[in-house]
Amino acid sequence: MTIETKLAELGITLPDAPAPAANYVPYVISGNLLFVSGQISALKGKLGADLAVEDGAEAARGCGLALLAQARAALGSLDRVKRVVKLGGFVNSTAEFTDQPEVVNGCSDLMVEVFGDKGRHARAAVSAPALPRGVAVEIEAVFEIE
């Protein structure tokens, strides 16, 4: 089954790959690795202040959809993804908030949902006192490609 078929089966429609917001490129291919720049959530706010874990997880899923859209733009087809290698998740949160892993799970769960075992990855889920444009979550990714 192709990844596009899997996405359709799951009822997932990928957004258009977002354009960079500053002086960087959305992705770089080096050897058999695809590095996708951090993708920000549409949701703004701070976890532990005005947003709940569930809000953050949904925002992280949105970041994951944008990561997949960038990967498809880079590769022409998500079928070229051999493995999700690593996600780096940044959560706009208060100093007291400690559920960053549960927030970034919104993206991690999506990768496993779409790619199965090839979607299991190494990961960082860290707090940030602020993120660009006041967004709740930003996530970057590394994919191994064929």
C-alpha atoms as a PDB file:
ATOM      1  CA  MET A   1       0.000   0.000   0.000  1.00  0.00           C
ATOM      2  CA  THR A   2       1.325   3.455  -0.847  1.00  0.00           C
ATOM      3  CA  ILE A   3       1.572   6.156   1.794  1.00  0.00           C
ATOM      4  CA  GLU A   4      -0.908   8.286  -0.195  1.00  0.00           C
ATOM      5  CA  THR A   5      -3.386   5.396  -0.026  1.00  0.00           C
ATOM      6  CA  LYS A   6      -2.709   5.048   3.709  1.00  0.00           C
ATOM      7  CA  LEU A   7      -3.334   8.788   4.211  1.00  0.00           C
ATOM      8  CA  ALA A   8      -6.631   8.535   2.321  1.00  0.00           C
ATOM      9  CA  GLU A   9      -7.621   5.473   4.383  1.00  0.00           C
ATOM     10  CA  LEU A  10      -6.915   7.457   7.560  1.00  0.00           C
ATOM     11  CA  GLY A  11      -8.893  10.440   6.272  1.00  0.00           C
ATOM     12  CA  ILE A  12      -5.784  12.640   6.346  1.00  0.00           C
ATOM     13  CA  THR A  13      -5.349  15.451   3.836  1.00  0.00           C
ATOM     14  CA  LEU A  14      -1.958  17.101   3.915  1.00  0.00           C
ATOM     15  CA  PRO A  15      -1.776  20.888   3.742  1.00  0.00           C
ATOM     16  CA  ASP A  16       0.343  22.659   1.155  1.00  0.00           C
ATOM     17  CA  ALA A  17       3.978  22.773   2.238  1.00  0.00           C
ATOM     18  CA  PRO A  18       4.390  26.096   4.070  1.00  0.00           C
ATOM     19  CA  ALA A  19       6.865  28.635   2.673  1.00  0.00           C
ATOM     20  CA  PRO A  20       9.795  29.601   4.909  1.00  0.00           C
ATOM     21  CA  ALA A  21       9.139  32.604   7.142  1.00  0.00           C
ATOM     22  CA  ALA A  22      12.756  33.851   7.162  1.00  0.00           C
ATOM     23  CA  ASN A  23      16.174  33.264   5.569  1.00  0.00           C
ATOM     24  CA  TYR A  24      16.291  29.454   5.453  1.00  0.00           C
ATOM     25  CA  VAL A  25      15.108  26.622   3.236  1.00  0.00           C
ATOM     26  CA  PRO A  26      12.228  24.323   4.202  1.00  0.00           C
ATOM     27  CA  TYR A  27      14.314  21.177   3.744  1.00  0.00           C
ATOM     28  CA  VAL A  28      17.763  19.884   2.836  1.00  0.00           C
ATOM     29  CA  ILE A  29      18.663  16.500   1.405  1.00  0.00           C
ATOM     30  CA  SER A  30      22.132  15.255   2.342  1.00  0.00           C
ATOM     31  CA  GLY A  31      23.017  11.749   1.226  1.00  0.00           C
ATOM     32  CA  ASN A  32      20.152   9.493   2.278  1.00  0.00           C
ATOM     33  CA  LEU A  33      18.774  11.929   4.876  1.00  0.00           C
ATOM     34  CA  LEU A  34      16.068  14.544   4.532  1.00  0.00           C
ATOM     35  CA  PHE A  35      16.204  17.319   7.125  1.00  0.00           C
ATOM     36  CA  VAL A  36      12.948  19.266   7.431  1.00  0.00           C
ATOM     37  CA  SER A  37      13.069  22.677   9.095  1.00  0.00           C
ATOM     38  CA  GLY A  38      10.914  23.304  12.128  1.00  0.00           C
ATOM     39  CA  GLN A  39       7.221  23.535  11.348  1.00  0.00           C
ATOM     40  CA  ILE A  40       5.130  25.730  13.618  1.00  0.00           C
ATOM     41  CA  SER A  41       1.602  25.153  14.837  1.00  0.00           C
ATOM     42  CA  ALA A  42      -1.317  27.356  13.872  1.00  0.00           C
ATOM     43  CA  LEU A  43      -2.292  27.404  17.546  1.00  0.00           C
ATOM     44  CA  LYS A  44      -0.824  30.225  19.615  1.00  0.00           C
ATOM     45  CA  GLY A  45      -0.422  30.260  23.372  1.00  0.00           C
ATOM     46  CA  LYS A  46       1.509  28.781  26.244  1.00  0.00           C
ATOM     47  CA  LEU A  47       1.106  25.290  27.680  1.00  0.00           C
ATOM     48  CA  GLY A  48       0.540  25.412  31.419  1.00  0.00           C
ATOM     49  CA  ALA A  49      -0.953  28.913  31.210  1.00  0.00           C
ATOM     50  CA  ASP A  50      -3.732  29.157  28.634  1.00  0.00           C
ATOM     51  CA  LEU A  51      -3.464  25.792  26.844  1.00  0.00           C
ATOM     52  CA  ALA A  52      -4.054  22.210  28.010  1.00  0.00           C
ATOM     53  CA  VAL A  53      -1.972  19.157  27.074  1.00  0.00           C
ATOM     54  CA  GLU A  54      -4.696  18.055  24.623  1.00  0.00           C
ATOM     55  CA  ASP A  55      -4.516  21.426  22.849  1.00  0.00           C
ATOM     56  CA  GLY A  56      -0.747  21.080  22.566  1.00  0.00           C
ATOM     57  CA  ALA A  57      -0.956  17.519  21.268  1.00  0.00           C
ATOM     58  CA  GLU A  58      -3.380  18.636  18.550  1.00  0.00           C
ATOM     59  CA  ALA A  59      -1.014  21.508  17.680  1.00  0.00           C
ATOM     60  CA  ALA A  60       1.869  19.004  17.480  1.00  0.00           C
ATOM     61  CA  ARG A  61      -0.183  16.830  15.130  1.00  0.00           C
ATOM     62  CA  GLY A  62      -0.613  19.886  12.909  1.00  0.00           C
ATOM     63  CA  CYS A  63       3.165  20.332  12.917  1.00  0.00           C
ATOM     64  CA  GLY A  64       3.460  16.685  11.885  1.00  0.00           C
ATOM     65  CA  LEU A  65       1.111  17.218   8.951  1.00  0.00           C
ATOM     66  CA  ALA A  66       3.252  20.153   7.821  1.00  0.00           C
ATOM     67  CA  LEU A  67       6.403  17.998   8.183  1.00  0.00           C
ATOM     68  CA  LEU A  68       4.829  15.359   5.949  1.00  0.00           C
ATOM     69  CA  ALA A  69       3.795  18.032   3.438  1.00  0.00           C
ATOM     70  CA  GLN A  70       7.390  19.318   3.322  1.00  0.00           C
ATOM     71  CA  ALA A  71       8.726  15.776   2.924  1.00  0.00           C
ATOM     72  CA  ARG A  72       6.335  15.138   0.040  1.00  0.00           C
ATOM     73  CA  ALA A  73       7.379  18.433  -1.590  1.00  0.00           C
ATOM     74  CA  ALA A  74      11.053  17.468  -1.222  1.00  0.00           C
ATOM     75  CA  LEU A  75      10.714  13.880  -2.414  1.00  0.00           C
ATOM     76  CA  GLY A  76       7.754  13.919  -4.781  1.00  0.00           C
ATOM     77  CA  SER A  77       6.302  10.962  -2.877  1.00  0.00           C
ATOM     78  CA  LEU A  78       6.213   9.914   0.768  1.00  0.00           C
ATOM     79  CA  ASP A  79       6.850   6.366  -0.443  1.00  0.00           C
ATOM     80  CA  ARG A  80      10.533   7.360  -0.604  1.00  0.00           C
ATOM     81  CA  VAL A  81      10.606   7.657   3.204  1.00  0.00           C
ATOM     82  CA  LYS A  82      12.496   4.648   4.509  1.00  0.00           C
ATOM     83  CA  ARG A  83      12.231   5.677   8.164  1.00  0.00           C
ATOM     84  CA  VAL A  84      11.432   8.587  10.442  1.00  0.00           C
ATOM     85  CA  VAL A  85      14.796   8.991  12.184  1.00  0.00           C
ATOM     86  CA  LYS A  86      14.263  11.820  14.663  1.00  0.00           C
ATOM     87  CA  LEU A  87      11.836  14.524  15.752  1.00  0.00           C
ATOM     88  CA  GLY A  88      12.859  17.592  17.706  1.00  0.00           C
ATOM     89  CA  GLY A  89       9.906  19.124  19.526  1.00  0.00           C
ATOM     90  CA  PHE A  90       9.774  22.541  21.178  1.00  0.00           C
ATOM     91  CA  VAL A  91       6.841  23.400  23.433  1.00  0.00           C
ATOM     92  CA  ASN A  92       6.010  26.980  24.436  1.00  0.00           C
ATOM     93  CA  SER A  93       5.370  26.371  28.118  1.00  0.00           C
ATOM     94  CA  THR A  94       5.573  27.776  31.602  1.00  0.00           C
ATOM     95  CA  ALA A  95       8.470  26.852  33.887  1.00  0.00           C
ATOM     96  CA  GLU A  96       6.132  24.633  35.917  1.00  0.00           C
ATOM     97  CA  PHE A  97       4.772  22.685  32.913  1.00  0.00           C
ATOM     98  CA  THR A  98       6.420  19.249  32.603  1.00  0.00           C
ATOM     99  CA  ASP A  99       4.240  17.384  30.090  1.00  0.00           C
ATOM    100  CA  GLN A 100       6.236  18.278  26.961  1.00  0.00           C
ATOM    101  CA  PRO A 101       6.522  14.566  25.994  1.00  0.00           C
ATOM    102  CA  GLU A 102       2.731  14.172  25.995  1.00  0.00           C
ATOM    103  CA  VAL A 103       2.387  17.272  23.798  1.00  0.00           C
ATOM    104  CA  VAL A 104       4.954  16.114  21.225  1.00  0.00           C
ATOM    105  CA  ASN A 105       3.242  12.701  21.174  1.00  0.00           C
ATOM    106  CA  GLY A 106       0.673  14.368  18.920  1.00  0.00           C
ATOM    107  CA  CYS A 107       3.313  14.365  16.179  1.00  0.00           C
ATOM    108  CA  SER A 108       4.968  11.076  17.149  1.00  0.00           C
ATOM    109  CA  ASP A 109       1.639   9.255  17.105  1.00  0.00           C
ATOM    110  CA  LEU A 110       0.918  10.641  13.621  1.00  0.00           C
ATOM    111  CA  MET A 111       4.238   9.343  12.270  1.00  0.00           C
ATOM    112  CA  VAL A 112       3.534   5.845  13.589  1.00  0.00           C
ATOM    113  CA  GLU A 113      -0.053   6.024  12.326  1.00  0.00           C
ATOM    114  CA  VAL A 114       1.153   6.876   8.807  1.00  0.00           C
ATOM    115  CA  PHE A 115       4.378   4.853   8.535  1.00  0.00           C
ATOM    116  CA  GLY A 116       3.831   2.007  11.008  1.00  0.00           C
ATOM    117  CA  ASP A 117       7.097   0.707  12.488  1.00  0.00           C
ATOM    118  CA  LYS A 118       9.070   2.896  10.035  1.00  0.00           C
ATOM    119  CA  GLY A 119       7.525   5.839  11.877  1.00  0.00           C
ATOM    120  CA  ARG A 120       9.124   4.988  15.245  1.00  0.00           C
ATOM    121  CA  HIS A 121      11.897   7.478  15.915  1.00  0.00           C
ATOM    122  CA  ALA A 122      14.345   9.054  18.329  1.00  0.00           C
ATOM    123  CA  ARG A 123      13.045  12.305  19.793  1.00  0.00           C
ATOM    124  CA  ALA A 124      13.544  15.377  21.909  1.00  0.00           C
ATOM    125  CA  ALA A 125      10.628  17.160  23.594  1.00  0.00           C
ATOM    126  CA  VAL A 126      11.761  20.313  25.345  1.00  0.00           C
ATOM    127  CA  SER A 127      10.275  23.426  26.870  1.00  0.00           C
ATOM    128  CA  ALA A 128      10.850  26.896  25.464  1.00  0.00           C
ATOM    129  CA  PRO A 129       9.862  30.134  27.187  1.00  0.00           C
ATOM    130  CA  ALA A 130       8.696  31.513  23.817  1.00  0.00           C
ATOM    131  CA  LEU A 131       8.438  30.326  20.220  1.00  0.00           C
ATOM    132  CA  PRO A 132       8.286  32.271  16.929  1.00  0.00           C
ATOM    133  CA  ARG A 133       5.066  34.228  16.381  1.00  0.00           C
ATOM    134  CA  GLY A 134       3.833  33.074  19.816  1.00  0.00           C
ATOM    135  CA  VAL A 135       2.954  29.573  18.575  1.00  0.00           C
ATOM    136  CA  ALA A 136       2.422  26.695  20.980  1.00  0.00           C
ATOM    137  CA  VAL A 137       4.628  24.078  19.290  1.00  0.00           C
ATOM    138  CA  GLU A 138       7.435  23.781  16.731  1.00  0.00           C
ATOM    139  CA  ILE A 139       8.772  20.445  15.480  1.00  0.00           C
ATOM    140  CA  GLU A 140      11.631  19.544  13.121  1.00  0.00           C
ATOM    141  CA  ALA A 141      12.322  16.152  11.560  1.00  0.00           C
ATOM    142  CA  VAL A 142      14.974  13.941  10.013  1.00  0.00           C
ATOM    143  CA  PHE A 143      13.873  11.216   7.571  1.00  0.00           C
ATOM    144  CA  GLU A 144      15.944   8.453   6.034  1.00  0.00           C
ATOM    145  CA  ILE A 145      15.088   8.222   2.343  1.00  0.00           C
ATOM    146  CA  GLU A 146      15.467   5.800  -0.525  1.00  0.00           C
END
